[in-house]
Amino acid sequence: MSEELLTFEVLDRGADVVVSISGELDFGTTAEFQSVLQPLARGGRPLVLDLAGLAFCDSTGLGALVRLHKLTEESGGRLSLARLRPRIESTIKLTMLHRLLHLLPEVPADHSGPVIRD
């Protein structure tokens, strides 16, 4: 069980939602991860997880990421994982999950801009 808490910072940018996650994603924090992120995944918009602060992810955490990916896709959105630490990116690639999960080197810029109507 994780001794480090998992923290979330949610930024709704209109066109997408960016969630910065810090701590450890493991057996002890997966339930909290799911309770915070599943409602966001059901929004039908792109969901970007900024994982620069994620220090550890075990197999339970990887499973939670896959479930979140499926839920986001079913809702018409897309899940992206950005700014992964080398150790976590290596684990995702070793398990071949990079073929399923969309990995980004950086959080995409906010291109939503103002809504212009004719």
N, C-alpha and C. Protein backbone atom coordinates (compact mmCIF):
# COMPACT_ATOMS: atom_id res chain seq x y z
N MET A 1 0.84 -1.18 0.00
CA MET A 1 0.00 0.00 0.00
C MET A 1 0.88 1.25 0.00
N SER A 2 0.46 2.26 -0.72
CA SER A 2 1.25 3.47 -0.87
C SER A 2 1.27 4.29 0.40
N GLU A 3 2.46 4.81 0.72
CA GLU A 3 2.57 5.74 1.84
C GLU A 3 2.40 7.17 1.36
N GLU A 4 2.58 7.40 0.07
CA GLU A 4 2.44 8.74 -0.49
C GLU A 4 1.04 8.90 -1.07
N LEU A 5 0.41 10.00 -0.75
CA LEU A 5 -0.92 10.27 -1.27
C LEU A 5 -0.88 10.59 -2.75
N LEU A 6 -2.00 10.41 -3.38
CA LEU A 6 -2.16 10.78 -4.77
C LEU A 6 -2.92 12.10 -4.79
N THR A 7 -2.38 13.10 -5.48
CA THR A 7 -3.05 14.40 -5.55
C THR A 7 -3.40 14.72 -7.00
N PHE A 8 -4.47 15.50 -7.14
CA PHE A 8 -5.00 15.85 -8.45
C PHE A 8 -5.21 17.35 -8.53
N GLU A 9 -4.89 17.91 -9.69
CA GLU A 9 -5.21 19.31 -9.99
C GLU A 9 -5.91 19.30 -11.34
N VAL A 10 -7.18 19.67 -11.34
CA VAL A 10 -8.02 19.60 -12.54
C VAL A 10 -8.14 20.99 -13.16
N LEU A 11 -7.85 21.06 -14.47
CA LEU A 11 -7.98 22.30 -15.22
C LEU A 11 -8.92 22.04 -16.40
N ASP A 12 -10.11 22.61 -16.32
CA ASP A 12 -11.08 22.49 -17.41
C ASP A 12 -10.81 23.63 -18.39
N ARG A 13 -10.28 23.29 -19.57
CA ARG A 13 -9.92 24.31 -20.56
C ARG A 13 -11.01 24.50 -21.61
N GLY A 14 -12.18 23.94 -21.37
CA GLY A 14 -13.28 24.07 -22.33
C GLY A 14 -13.24 22.99 -23.39
N ALA A 15 -12.23 23.03 -24.25
CA ALA A 15 -12.10 22.03 -25.31
C ALA A 15 -11.60 20.69 -24.77
N ASP A 16 -10.90 20.73 -23.64
CA ASP A 16 -10.39 19.51 -23.04
C ASP A 16 -10.25 19.72 -21.53
N VAL A 17 -9.87 18.65 -20.86
CA VAL A 17 -9.62 18.70 -19.42
C VAL A 17 -8.21 18.17 -19.19
N VAL A 18 -7.40 18.92 -18.43
CA VAL A 18 -6.05 18.51 -18.08
C VAL A 18 -6.02 18.24 -16.58
N VAL A 19 -5.53 17.05 -16.21
CA VAL A 19 -5.43 16.69 -14.80
C VAL A 19 -3.96 16.41 -14.50
N SER A 20 -3.40 17.23 -13.61
CA SER A 20 -2.03 16.99 -13.14
C SER A 20 -2.11 16.06 -11.95
N ILE A 21 -1.35 14.98 -12.02
CA ILE A 21 -1.39 13.95 -10.98
C ILE A 21 -0.01 13.81 -10.36
N SER A 22 0.03 13.80 -9.03
CA SER A 22 1.29 13.63 -8.30
C SER A 22 1.12 12.52 -7.27
N GLY A 23 2.22 11.83 -6.99
CA GLY A 23 2.21 10.78 -5.97
C GLY A 23 2.48 9.43 -6.58
N GLU A 24 1.81 8.42 -6.04
CA GLU A 24 1.98 7.04 -6.48
C GLU A 24 0.63 6.44 -6.84
N LEU A 25 0.58 5.81 -8.00
CA LEU A 25 -0.63 5.13 -8.44
C LEU A 25 -0.41 3.63 -8.26
N ASP A 26 -1.02 3.10 -7.20
CA ASP A 26 -0.82 1.69 -6.87
C ASP A 26 -2.08 1.15 -6.20
N PHE A 27 -1.97 -0.04 -5.65
CA PHE A 27 -3.12 -0.71 -5.03
C PHE A 27 -3.82 0.19 -4.02
N GLY A 28 -3.07 0.97 -3.27
CA GLY A 28 -3.65 1.80 -2.23
C GLY A 28 -4.30 3.08 -2.72
N THR A 29 -4.02 3.50 -3.95
CA THR A 29 -4.55 4.78 -4.44
C THR A 29 -5.43 4.64 -5.69
N THR A 30 -5.55 3.44 -6.23
CA THR A 30 -6.29 3.25 -7.47
C THR A 30 -7.77 3.59 -7.32
N ALA A 31 -8.38 3.25 -6.20
CA ALA A 31 -9.81 3.56 -6.00
C ALA A 31 -10.04 5.07 -6.03
N GLU A 32 -9.16 5.83 -5.40
CA GLU A 32 -9.28 7.28 -5.42
C GLU A 32 -9.08 7.81 -6.84
N PHE A 33 -8.10 7.27 -7.56
CA PHE A 33 -7.84 7.63 -8.95
C PHE A 33 -9.10 7.47 -9.78
N GLN A 34 -9.73 6.31 -9.64
CA GLN A 34 -10.94 6.03 -10.41
C GLN A 34 -12.09 6.94 -10.02
N SER A 35 -12.27 7.20 -8.73
CA SER A 35 -13.40 8.03 -8.31
C SER A 35 -13.24 9.48 -8.79
N VAL A 36 -12.03 9.97 -8.89
CA VAL A 36 -11.81 11.35 -9.36
C VAL A 36 -11.90 11.42 -10.89
N LEU A 37 -11.32 10.45 -11.58
CA LEU A 37 -11.18 10.58 -13.04
C LEU A 37 -12.32 9.99 -13.86
N GLN A 38 -13.03 9.00 -13.35
CA GLN A 38 -14.10 8.42 -14.16
C GLN A 38 -15.18 9.43 -14.54
N PRO A 39 -15.62 10.31 -13.65
CA PRO A 39 -16.61 11.31 -14.09
C PRO A 39 -16.07 12.23 -15.19
N LEU A 40 -14.79 12.57 -15.13
CA LEU A 40 -14.19 13.40 -16.17
C LEU A 40 -14.10 12.65 -17.50
N ALA A 41 -13.84 11.35 -17.42
CA ALA A 41 -13.73 10.52 -18.63
C ALA A 41 -15.06 10.39 -19.35
N ARG A 42 -16.15 10.53 -18.61
CA ARG A 42 -17.49 10.40 -19.20
C ARG A 42 -17.94 11.68 -19.90
N GLY A 43 -17.12 12.72 -19.90
CA GLY A 43 -17.51 14.01 -20.45
C GLY A 43 -17.49 14.11 -21.96
N GLY A 44 -16.93 13.13 -22.66
CA GLY A 44 -16.91 13.16 -24.12
C GLY A 44 -15.88 14.11 -24.71
N ARG A 45 -14.99 14.62 -23.88
CA ARG A 45 -13.94 15.53 -24.36
C ARG A 45 -12.58 14.87 -24.17
N PRO A 46 -11.57 15.39 -24.86
CA PRO A 46 -10.21 14.89 -24.61
C PRO A 46 -9.84 15.09 -23.14
N LEU A 47 -9.20 14.06 -22.58
CA LEU A 47 -8.73 14.09 -21.20
C LEU A 47 -7.23 13.86 -21.23
N VAL A 48 -6.47 14.83 -20.72
CA VAL A 48 -5.02 14.77 -20.71
C VAL A 48 -4.56 14.62 -19.28
N LEU A 49 -3.80 13.56 -19.01
CA LEU A 49 -3.21 13.37 -17.69
C LEU A 49 -1.77 13.83 -17.74
N ASP A 50 -1.45 14.87 -16.99
CA ASP A 50 -0.08 15.35 -16.86
C ASP A 50 0.56 14.55 -15.74
N LEU A 51 1.44 13.63 -16.10
CA LEU A 51 2.00 12.69 -15.13
C LEU A 51 3.42 13.03 -14.71
N ALA A 52 3.83 14.27 -14.88
CA ALA A 52 5.19 14.67 -14.48
C ALA A 52 5.43 14.44 -13.00
N GLY A 53 4.39 14.53 -12.18
CA GLY A 53 4.52 14.35 -10.74
C GLY A 53 4.24 12.94 -10.26
N LEU A 54 3.95 12.02 -11.18
CA LEU A 54 3.67 10.64 -10.79
C LEU A 54 4.99 9.90 -10.62
N ALA A 55 5.28 9.51 -9.37
CA ALA A 55 6.56 8.90 -9.05
C ALA A 55 6.58 7.39 -9.25
N PHE A 56 5.40 6.74 -9.20
CA PHE A 56 5.36 5.28 -9.24
C PHE A 56 4.01 4.84 -9.77
N CYS A 57 4.01 3.75 -10.54
CA CYS A 57 2.77 3.15 -11.04
C CYS A 57 2.97 1.64 -11.11
N ASP A 58 2.16 0.90 -10.35
CA ASP A 58 2.27 -0.56 -10.38
C ASP A 58 1.24 -1.14 -11.36
N SER A 59 1.11 -2.47 -11.37
CA SER A 59 0.19 -3.12 -12.31
C SER A 59 -1.26 -2.73 -12.06
N THR A 60 -1.62 -2.46 -10.81
CA THR A 60 -2.98 -2.00 -10.51
C THR A 60 -3.21 -0.64 -11.15
N GLY A 61 -2.22 0.22 -11.07
CA GLY A 61 -2.31 1.54 -11.69
C GLY A 61 -2.39 1.45 -13.20
N LEU A 62 -1.62 0.55 -13.79
CA LEU A 62 -1.68 0.37 -15.25
C LEU A 62 -3.08 -0.10 -15.66
N GLY A 63 -3.65 -1.01 -14.88
CA GLY A 63 -5.01 -1.47 -15.16
C GLY A 63 -6.01 -0.33 -15.08
N ALA A 64 -5.83 0.56 -14.11
CA ALA A 64 -6.72 1.72 -13.97
C ALA A 64 -6.60 2.65 -15.17
N LEU A 65 -5.39 2.81 -15.69
CA LEU A 65 -5.20 3.64 -16.89
C LEU A 65 -5.90 3.03 -18.09
N VAL A 66 -5.84 1.71 -18.23
CA VAL A 66 -6.52 1.04 -19.35
C VAL A 66 -8.03 1.20 -19.22
N ARG A 67 -8.57 1.01 -18.01
CA ARG A 67 -10.01 1.19 -17.81
C ARG A 67 -10.43 2.64 -18.11
N LEU A 68 -9.62 3.59 -17.70
CA LEU A 68 -9.92 5.00 -17.96
C LEU A 68 -9.88 5.28 -19.46
N HIS A 69 -8.92 4.69 -20.16
CA HIS A 69 -8.84 4.83 -21.62
C HIS A 69 -10.13 4.32 -22.27
N LYS A 70 -10.57 3.14 -21.88
CA LYS A 70 -11.78 2.55 -22.47
C LYS A 70 -13.00 3.41 -22.20
N LEU A 71 -13.13 3.90 -20.98
CA LEU A 71 -14.27 4.74 -20.61
C LEU A 71 -14.26 6.05 -21.40
N THR A 72 -13.10 6.64 -21.56
CA THR A 72 -12.98 7.89 -22.32
C THR A 72 -13.36 7.67 -23.78
N GLU A 73 -12.86 6.60 -24.37
CA GLU A 73 -13.17 6.28 -25.76
C GLU A 73 -14.67 6.02 -25.94
N GLU A 74 -15.27 5.26 -25.02
CA GLU A 74 -16.71 4.96 -25.10
C GLU A 74 -17.55 6.23 -25.02
N SER A 75 -17.04 7.24 -24.36
CA SER A 75 -17.77 8.50 -24.19
C SER A 75 -17.50 9.49 -25.32
N GLY A 76 -16.68 9.09 -26.29
CA GLY A 76 -16.39 9.96 -27.43
C GLY A 76 -15.19 10.87 -27.24
N GLY A 77 -14.44 10.67 -26.17
CA GLY A 77 -13.24 11.46 -25.92
C GLY A 77 -11.99 10.69 -26.25
N ARG A 78 -10.87 11.25 -25.80
CA ARG A 78 -9.58 10.58 -26.01
C ARG A 78 -8.72 10.84 -24.78
N LEU A 79 -8.09 9.78 -24.29
CA LEU A 79 -7.19 9.89 -23.15
C LEU A 79 -5.76 10.01 -23.66
N SER A 80 -5.04 11.01 -23.15
CA SER A 80 -3.62 11.16 -23.47
C SER A 80 -2.85 11.25 -22.16
N LEU A 81 -1.66 10.65 -22.16
CA LEU A 81 -0.76 10.71 -21.01
C LEU A 81 0.43 11.57 -21.41
N ALA A 82 0.67 12.63 -20.65
CA ALA A 82 1.73 13.58 -21.01
C ALA A 82 2.78 13.66 -19.92
N ARG A 83 4.00 13.98 -20.34
CA ARG A 83 5.14 14.26 -19.46
C ARG A 83 5.43 13.12 -18.48
N LEU A 84 5.46 11.90 -19.00
CA LEU A 84 5.75 10.74 -18.16
C LEU A 84 7.21 10.73 -17.74
N ARG A 85 7.46 10.33 -16.52
CA ARG A 85 8.84 10.12 -16.07
C ARG A 85 9.39 8.91 -16.81
N PRO A 86 10.70 8.87 -17.06
CA PRO A 86 11.29 7.78 -17.85
C PRO A 86 10.95 6.39 -17.32
N ARG A 87 10.95 6.22 -16.03
CA ARG A 87 10.67 4.89 -15.45
C ARG A 87 9.23 4.44 -15.75
N ILE A 88 8.30 5.36 -15.66
CA ILE A 88 6.90 5.01 -15.93
C ILE A 88 6.68 4.80 -17.43
N GLU A 89 7.28 5.64 -18.26
CA GLU A 89 7.17 5.46 -19.70
C GLU A 89 7.77 4.11 -20.12
N SER A 90 8.88 3.76 -19.51
CA SER A 90 9.52 2.47 -19.80
C SER A 90 8.61 1.30 -19.43
N THR A 91 7.95 1.40 -18.29
CA THR A 91 7.02 0.34 -17.87
C THR A 91 5.86 0.22 -18.84
N ILE A 92 5.33 1.34 -19.28
CA ILE A 92 4.22 1.32 -20.25
C ILE A 92 4.67 0.69 -21.56
N LYS A 93 5.87 1.02 -21.99
CA LYS A 93 6.37 0.44 -23.25
C LYS A 93 6.72 -1.03 -23.10
N LEU A 94 7.27 -1.41 -21.96
CA LEU A 94 7.61 -2.81 -21.71
C LEU A 94 6.37 -3.69 -21.72
N THR A 95 5.26 -3.16 -21.22
CA THR A 95 4.01 -3.92 -21.19
C THR A 95 3.20 -3.76 -22.48
N MET A 96 3.77 -3.05 -23.44
CA MET A 96 3.17 -2.81 -24.76
C MET A 96 1.91 -1.94 -24.70
N LEU A 97 1.67 -1.28 -23.58
CA LEU A 97 0.49 -0.43 -23.46
C LEU A 97 0.62 0.86 -24.26
N HIS A 98 1.83 1.17 -24.73
CA HIS A 98 1.99 2.35 -25.58
C HIS A 98 1.24 2.18 -26.90
N ARG A 99 0.89 0.96 -27.25
CA ARG A 99 0.10 0.71 -28.46
C ARG A 99 -1.37 1.08 -28.26
N LEU A 100 -1.78 1.13 -27.00
CA LEU A 100 -3.16 1.45 -26.67
C LEU A 100 -3.30 2.88 -26.16
N LEU A 101 -2.39 3.27 -25.29
CA LEU A 101 -2.45 4.58 -24.65
C LEU A 101 -1.71 5.63 -25.48
N HIS A 102 -2.25 6.82 -25.57
CA HIS A 102 -1.66 7.90 -26.34
C HIS A 102 -0.67 8.65 -25.45
N LEU A 103 0.63 8.57 -25.77
CA LEU A 103 1.67 9.21 -24.97
C LEU A 103 2.13 10.50 -25.65
N LEU A 104 2.29 11.55 -24.84
CA LEU A 104 2.73 12.85 -25.35
C LEU A 104 3.94 13.34 -24.55
N PRO A 105 4.89 14.00 -25.21
CA PRO A 105 6.03 14.53 -24.46
C PRO A 105 5.65 15.73 -23.58
N GLU A 106 4.64 16.49 -23.99
CA GLU A 106 4.20 17.69 -23.27
C GLU A 106 2.68 17.76 -23.26
N VAL A 107 2.14 18.54 -22.37
CA VAL A 107 0.71 18.83 -22.37
C VAL A 107 0.43 19.73 -23.58
N PRO A 108 -0.56 19.37 -24.40
CA PRO A 108 -0.86 20.20 -25.57
C PRO A 108 -1.26 21.61 -25.15
N ALA A 109 -0.92 22.57 -26.01
CA ALA A 109 -1.32 23.96 -25.77
C ALA A 109 -2.84 24.06 -25.84
N ASP A 110 -3.37 25.01 -25.13
CA ASP A 110 -4.81 25.26 -25.14
C ASP A 110 -5.15 26.04 -26.39
N HIS A 111 -5.79 25.38 -27.35
CA HIS A 111 -6.13 26.02 -28.62
C HIS A 111 -7.63 26.29 -28.72
N SER A 112 -8.32 26.22 -27.58
CA SER A 112 -9.77 26.38 -27.67
C SER A 112 -10.14 27.80 -28.09
N GLY A 113 -9.48 28.80 -27.54
CA GLY A 113 -9.75 30.18 -27.90
C GLY A 113 -11.19 30.59 -27.66
N PRO A 114 -11.51 31.80 -27.99
CA PRO A 114 -12.91 32.25 -27.80
C PRO A 114 -13.82 31.63 -28.85
N VAL A 115 -15.07 31.46 -28.49
CA VAL A 115 -16.05 30.95 -29.43
C VAL A 115 -16.52 32.12 -30.29
N ILE A 116 -16.40 31.97 -31.60
CA ILE A 116 -16.81 33.03 -32.53
C ILE A 116 -18.02 32.52 -33.30
N ARG A 117 -19.08 33.29 -33.25
CA ARG A 117 -20.31 32.92 -33.95
C ARG A 117 -20.58 33.92 -35.07
N ASP A 118 -21.10 33.38 -36.18
CA ASP A 118 -21.46 34.25 -37.31
C ASP A 118 -22.79 34.90 -37.08
